[in-house]
Amino acid sequence: MLRRIFRRGPWETAATAAIALGVFMLMQPFSLVLFSYSFTVILAGTLGFVIVSHFPE
């Protein structure tokens, strides 16, 4: 059961989406709040990707 939950594919996709969202937040010119949290979102996505890359396929 846990092997099914902790498969690499969906979690890598979510981590990559978080990184892309952080980059979008960094580049948008409209909201200072989004810009302020962009580095945190990119960092969380990167750390998530590093952790998830050790999950079984």
PDB file of N, CA and C in Angstrom:
ATOM      1  N   MET A   1       0.822  -1.202   0.000  1.00  0.00           N
ATOM      2  CA  MET A   1       0.000   0.000   0.000  1.00  0.00           C
ATOM      3  C   MET A   1       0.863   1.263   0.000  1.00  0.00           C
ATOM      4  N   LEU A   2       1.903   1.295   0.843  1.00  0.00           N
ATOM      5  CA  LEU A   2       2.763   2.477   0.879  1.00  0.00           C
ATOM      6  C   LEU A   2       3.561   2.644  -0.405  1.00  0.00           C
ATOM      7  N   ARG A   3       3.909   1.534  -1.037  1.00  0.00           N
ATOM      8  CA  ARG A   3       4.627   1.635  -2.316  1.00  0.00           C
ATOM      9  C   ARG A   3       3.778   2.329  -3.370  1.00  0.00           C
ATOM     10  N   ARG A   4       2.468   2.123  -3.309  1.00  0.00           N
ATOM     11  CA  ARG A   4       1.584   2.776  -4.265  1.00  0.00           C
ATOM     12  C   ARG A   4       1.475   4.267  -4.009  1.00  0.00           C
ATOM     13  N   ILE A   5       1.471   4.645  -2.755  1.00  0.00           N
ATOM     14  CA  ILE A   5       1.351   6.067  -2.401  1.00  0.00           C
ATOM     15  C   ILE A   5       2.643   6.812  -2.710  1.00  0.00           C
ATOM     16  N   PHE A   6       3.773   6.186  -2.409  1.00  0.00           N
ATOM     17  CA  PHE A   6       5.063   6.858  -2.568  1.00  0.00           C
ATOM     18  C   PHE A   6       5.759   6.467  -3.863  1.00  0.00           C
ATOM     19  N   ARG A   7       5.012   6.491  -4.964  1.00  0.00           N
ATOM     20  CA  ARG A   7       5.610   6.297  -6.273  1.00  0.00           C
ATOM     21  C   ARG A   7       6.244   7.597  -6.724  1.00  0.00           C
ATOM     22  N   ARG A   8       7.294   7.481  -7.502  1.00  0.00           N
ATOM     23  CA  ARG A   8       8.074   8.654  -7.884  1.00  0.00           C
ATOM     24  C   ARG A   8       7.343   9.573  -8.859  1.00  0.00           C
ATOM     25  N   GLY A   9       6.650   9.030  -9.828  1.00  0.00           N
ATOM     26  CA  GLY A   9       6.086   9.818 -10.927  1.00  0.00           C
ATOM     27  C   GLY A   9       5.208  10.983 -10.516  1.00  0.00           C
ATOM     28  N   PRO A  10       4.117  10.751  -9.791  1.00  0.00           N
ATOM     29  CA  PRO A  10       3.239  11.880  -9.439  1.00  0.00           C
ATOM     30  C   PRO A  10       3.905  12.904  -8.524  1.00  0.00           C
ATOM     31  N   TRP A  11       4.753  12.441  -7.633  1.00  0.00           N
ATOM     32  CA  TRP A  11       5.415  13.368  -6.708  1.00  0.00           C
ATOM     33  C   TRP A  11       6.442  14.225  -7.443  1.00  0.00           C
ATOM     34  N   GLU A  12       7.147  13.644  -8.425  1.00  0.00           N
ATOM     35  CA  GLU A  12       8.086  14.446  -9.211  1.00  0.00           C
ATOM     36  C   GLU A  12       7.341  15.507 -10.016  1.00  0.00           C
ATOM     37  N   THR A  13       6.194  15.142 -10.541  1.00  0.00           N
ATOM     38  CA  THR A  13       5.392  16.106 -11.287  1.00  0.00           C
ATOM     39  C   THR A  13       4.944  17.257 -10.390  1.00  0.00           C
ATOM     40  N   ALA A  14       4.530  16.940  -9.167  1.00  0.00           N
ATOM     41  CA  ALA A  14       4.106  17.987  -8.231  1.00  0.00           C
ATOM     42  C   ALA A  14       5.281  18.888  -7.838  1.00  0.00           C
ATOM     43  N   ALA A  15       6.448  18.297  -7.616  1.00  0.00           N
ATOM     44  CA  ALA A  15       7.626  19.098  -7.259  1.00  0.00           C
ATOM     45  C   ALA A  15       8.038  20.005  -8.417  1.00  0.00           C
ATOM     46  N   THR A  16       7.984  19.478  -9.629  1.00  0.00           N
ATOM     47  CA  THR A  16       8.320  20.284 -10.806  1.00  0.00           C
ATOM     48  C   THR A  16       7.310  21.420 -10.989  1.00  0.00           C
ATOM     49  N   ALA A  17       6.041  21.128 -10.729  1.00  0.00           N
ATOM     50  CA  ALA A  17       5.018  22.170 -10.819  1.00  0.00           C
ATOM     51  C   ALA A  17       5.242  23.265  -9.773  1.00  0.00           C
ATOM     52  N   ALA A  18       5.683  22.871  -8.583  1.00  0.00           N
ATOM     53  CA  ALA A  18       5.973  23.865  -7.543  1.00  0.00           C
ATOM     54  C   ALA A  18       7.138  24.760  -7.959  1.00  0.00           C
ATOM     55  N   ILE A  19       8.153  24.173  -8.562  1.00  0.00           N
ATOM     56  CA  ILE A  19       9.287  24.970  -9.036  1.00  0.00           C
ATOM     57  C   ILE A  19       8.828  25.939 -10.123  1.00  0.00           C
ATOM     58  N   ALA A  20       8.021  25.446 -11.060  1.00  0.00           N
ATOM     59  CA  ALA A  20       7.518  26.310 -12.135  1.00  0.00           C
ATOM     60  C   ALA A  20       6.638  27.430 -11.578  1.00  0.00           C
ATOM     61  N   LEU A  21       5.814  27.110 -10.590  1.00  0.00           N
ATOM     62  CA  LEU A  21       4.986  28.136  -9.960  1.00  0.00           C
ATOM     63  C   LEU A  21       5.853  29.195  -9.286  1.00  0.00           C
ATOM     64  N   GLY A  22       6.919  28.770  -8.618  1.00  0.00           N
ATOM     65  CA  GLY A  22       7.823  29.726  -7.983  1.00  0.00           C
ATOM     66  C   GLY A  22       8.509  30.635  -8.983  1.00  0.00           C
ATOM     67  N   VAL A  23       8.899  30.078 -10.123  1.00  0.00           N
ATOM     68  CA  VAL A  23       9.525  30.901 -11.166  1.00  0.00           C
ATOM     69  C   VAL A  23       8.514  31.899 -11.729  1.00  0.00           C
ATOM     70  N   PHE A  24       7.282  31.439 -11.928  1.00  0.00           N
ATOM     71  CA  PHE A  24       6.236  32.369 -12.379  1.00  0.00           C
ATOM     72  C   PHE A  24       6.027  33.482 -11.368  1.00  0.00           C
ATOM     73  N   MET A  25       5.982  33.116 -10.087  1.00  0.00           N
ATOM     74  CA  MET A  25       5.801  34.126  -9.039  1.00  0.00           C
ATOM     75  C   MET A  25       6.958  35.118  -9.024  1.00  0.00           C
ATOM     76  N   LEU A  26       8.143  34.655  -9.349  1.00  0.00           N
ATOM     77  CA  LEU A  26       9.328  35.518  -9.364  1.00  0.00           C
ATOM     78  C   LEU A  26       9.281  36.507 -10.524  1.00  0.00           C
ATOM     79  N   MET A  27       8.700  36.094 -11.645  1.00  0.00           N
ATOM     80  CA  MET A  27       8.758  36.923 -12.851  1.00  0.00           C
ATOM     81  C   MET A  27       7.546  37.819 -13.064  1.00  0.00           C
ATOM     82  N   GLN A  28       6.486  37.627 -12.308  1.00  0.00           N
ATOM     83  CA  GLN A  28       5.288  38.434 -12.534  1.00  0.00           C
ATOM     84  C   GLN A  28       5.461  39.834 -11.930  1.00  0.00           C
ATOM     85  N   PRO A  29       4.933  40.860 -12.581  1.00  0.00           N
ATOM     86  CA  PRO A  29       5.135  42.234 -12.111  1.00  0.00           C
ATOM     87  C   PRO A  29       3.969  42.809 -11.305  1.00  0.00           C
ATOM     88  N   PHE A  30       2.969  41.991 -10.923  1.00  0.00           N
ATOM     89  CA  PHE A  30       1.730  42.550 -10.385  1.00  0.00           C
ATOM     90  C   PHE A  30       1.655  42.561  -8.867  1.00  0.00           C
ATOM     91  N   SER A  31       2.166  41.531  -8.213  1.00  0.00           N
ATOM     92  CA  SER A  31       1.941  41.383  -6.779  1.00  0.00           C
ATOM     93  C   SER A  31       3.268  41.235  -6.040  1.00  0.00           C
ATOM     94  N   LEU A  32       3.494  42.123  -5.091  1.00  0.00           N
ATOM     95  CA  LEU A  32       4.711  42.046  -4.294  1.00  0.00           C
ATOM     96  C   LEU A  32       4.672  40.868  -3.335  1.00  0.00           C
ATOM     97  N   VAL A  33       3.478  40.473  -2.901  1.00  0.00           N
ATOM     98  CA  VAL A  33       3.352  39.321  -1.999  1.00  0.00           C
ATOM     99  C   VAL A  33       3.784  38.042  -2.713  1.00  0.00           C
ATOM    100  N   LEU A  34       3.328  37.841  -3.949  1.00  0.00           N
ATOM    101  CA  LEU A  34       3.751  36.665  -4.713  1.00  0.00           C
ATOM    102  C   LEU A  34       5.252  36.675  -4.933  1.00  0.00           C
ATOM    103  N   PHE A  35       5.791  37.831  -5.262  1.00  0.00           N
ATOM    104  CA  PHE A  35       7.233  37.950  -5.463  1.00  0.00           C
ATOM    105  C   PHE A  35       7.988  37.612  -4.183  1.00  0.00           C
ATOM    106  N   SER A  36       7.456  38.028  -3.046  1.00  0.00           N
ATOM    107  CA  SER A  36       8.128  37.796  -1.772  1.00  0.00           C
ATOM    108  C   SER A  36       8.206  36.309  -1.424  1.00  0.00           C
ATOM    109  N   TYR A  37       7.194  35.546  -1.773  1.00  0.00           N
ATOM    110  CA  TYR A  37       7.174  34.115  -1.445  1.00  0.00           C
ATOM    111  C   TYR A  37       7.756  33.235  -2.549  1.00  0.00           C
ATOM    112  N   SER A  38       8.196  33.811  -3.641  1.00  0.00           N
ATOM    113  CA  SER A  38       8.654  33.009  -4.771  1.00  0.00           C
ATOM    114  C   SER A  38       9.887  32.173  -4.431  1.00  0.00           C
ATOM    115  N   PHE A  39      10.853  32.747  -3.726  1.00  0.00           N
ATOM    116  CA  PHE A  39      12.054  31.990  -3.381  1.00  0.00           C
ATOM    117  C   PHE A  39      11.715  30.821  -2.468  1.00  0.00           C
ATOM    118  N   THR A  40      10.797  31.018  -1.544  1.00  0.00           N
ATOM    119  CA  THR A  40      10.387  29.945  -0.645  1.00  0.00           C
ATOM    120  C   THR A  40       9.725  28.810  -1.417  1.00  0.00           C
ATOM    121  N   VAL A  41       8.905  29.137  -2.382  1.00  0.00           N
ATOM    122  CA  VAL A  41       8.223  28.118  -3.182  1.00  0.00           C
ATOM    123  C   VAL A  41       9.230  27.368  -4.052  1.00  0.00           C
ATOM    124  N   ILE A  42      10.172  28.082  -4.660  1.00  0.00           N
ATOM    125  CA  ILE A  42      11.202  27.432  -5.470  1.00  0.00           C
ATOM    126  C   ILE A  42      12.055  26.514  -4.599  1.00  0.00           C
ATOM    127  N   LEU A  43      12.430  26.983  -3.424  1.00  0.00           N
ATOM    128  CA  LEU A  43      13.244  26.177  -2.518  1.00  0.00           C
ATOM    129  C   LEU A  43      12.495  24.932  -2.051  1.00  0.00           C
ATOM    130  N   ALA A  44      11.228  25.067  -1.716  1.00  0.00           N
ATOM    131  CA  ALA A  44      10.423  23.912  -1.293  1.00  0.00           C
ATOM    132  C   ALA A  44      10.279  22.912  -2.437  1.00  0.00           C
ATOM    133  N   GLY A  45      10.061  23.393  -3.642  1.00  0.00           N
ATOM    134  CA  GLY A  45       9.960  22.496  -4.790  1.00  0.00           C
ATOM    135  C   GLY A  45      11.263  21.770  -5.071  1.00  0.00           C
ATOM    136  N   THR A  46      12.376  22.468  -4.938  1.00  0.00           N
ATOM    137  CA  THR A  46      13.677  21.845  -5.160  1.00  0.00           C
ATOM    138  C   THR A  46      13.978  20.792  -4.102  1.00  0.00           C
ATOM    139  N   LEU A  47      13.734  21.118  -2.853  1.00  0.00           N
ATOM    140  CA  LEU A  47      13.951  20.134  -1.790  1.00  0.00           C
ATOM    141  C   LEU A  47      13.009  18.942  -1.942  1.00  0.00           C
ATOM    142  N   GLY A  48      11.778  19.207  -2.321  1.00  0.00           N
ATOM    143  CA  GLY A  48      10.836  18.122  -2.569  1.00  0.00           C
ATOM    144  C   GLY A  48      11.301  17.228  -3.706  1.00  0.00           C
ATOM    145  N   PHE A  49      11.833  17.816  -4.757  1.00  0.00           N
ATOM    146  CA  PHE A  49      12.312  17.029  -5.885  1.00  0.00           C
ATOM    147  C   PHE A  49      13.501  16.162  -5.481  1.00  0.00           C
ATOM    148  N   VAL A  50      14.395  16.711  -4.684  1.00  0.00           N
ATOM    149  CA  VAL A  50      15.560  15.922  -4.225  1.00  0.00           C
ATOM    150  C   VAL A  50      15.107  14.749  -3.375  1.00  0.00           C
ATOM    151  N   ILE A  51      14.152  14.976  -2.494  1.00  0.00           N
ATOM    152  CA  ILE A  51      13.651  13.892  -1.641  1.00  0.00           C
ATOM    153  C   ILE A  51      12.904  12.848  -2.463  1.00  0.00           C
ATOM    154  N   VAL A  52      12.044  13.307  -3.366  1.00  0.00           N
ATOM    155  CA  VAL A  52      11.228  12.399  -4.172  1.00  0.00           C
ATOM    156  C   VAL A  52      12.069  11.582  -5.138  1.00  0.00           C
ATOM    157  N   SER A  53      13.201  12.107  -5.548  1.00  0.00           N
ATOM    158  CA  SER A  53      14.032  11.367  -6.494  1.00  0.00           C
ATOM    159  C   SER A  53      14.582  10.079  -5.877  1.00  0.00           C
ATOM    160  N   HIS A  54      14.471   9.910  -4.583  1.00  0.00           N
ATOM    161  CA  HIS A  54      14.900   8.688  -3.912  1.00  0.00           C
ATOM    162  C   HIS A  54      13.768   7.694  -3.721  1.00  0.00           C
ATOM    163  N   PHE A  55      12.548   8.038  -4.114  1.00  0.00           N
ATOM    164  CA  PHE A  55      11.408   7.133  -4.001  1.00  0.00           C
ATOM    165  C   PHE A  55      11.533   6.031  -5.059  1.00  0.00           C
ATOM    166  N   PRO A  56      10.932   4.874  -4.821  1.00  0.00           N
ATOM    167  CA  PRO A  56      10.958   3.817  -5.845  1.00  0.00           C
ATOM    168  C   PRO A  56      10.027   4.174  -7.002  1.00  0.00           C
ATOM    169  N   GLU A  57      10.314   3.586  -8.156  1.00  0.00           N
ATOM    170  CA  GLU A  57       9.475   3.855  -9.333  1.00  0.00           C
ATOM    171  C   GLU A  57       8.249   3.065  -9.336  1.00  0.00           C
TER     172      GLU A  57
END
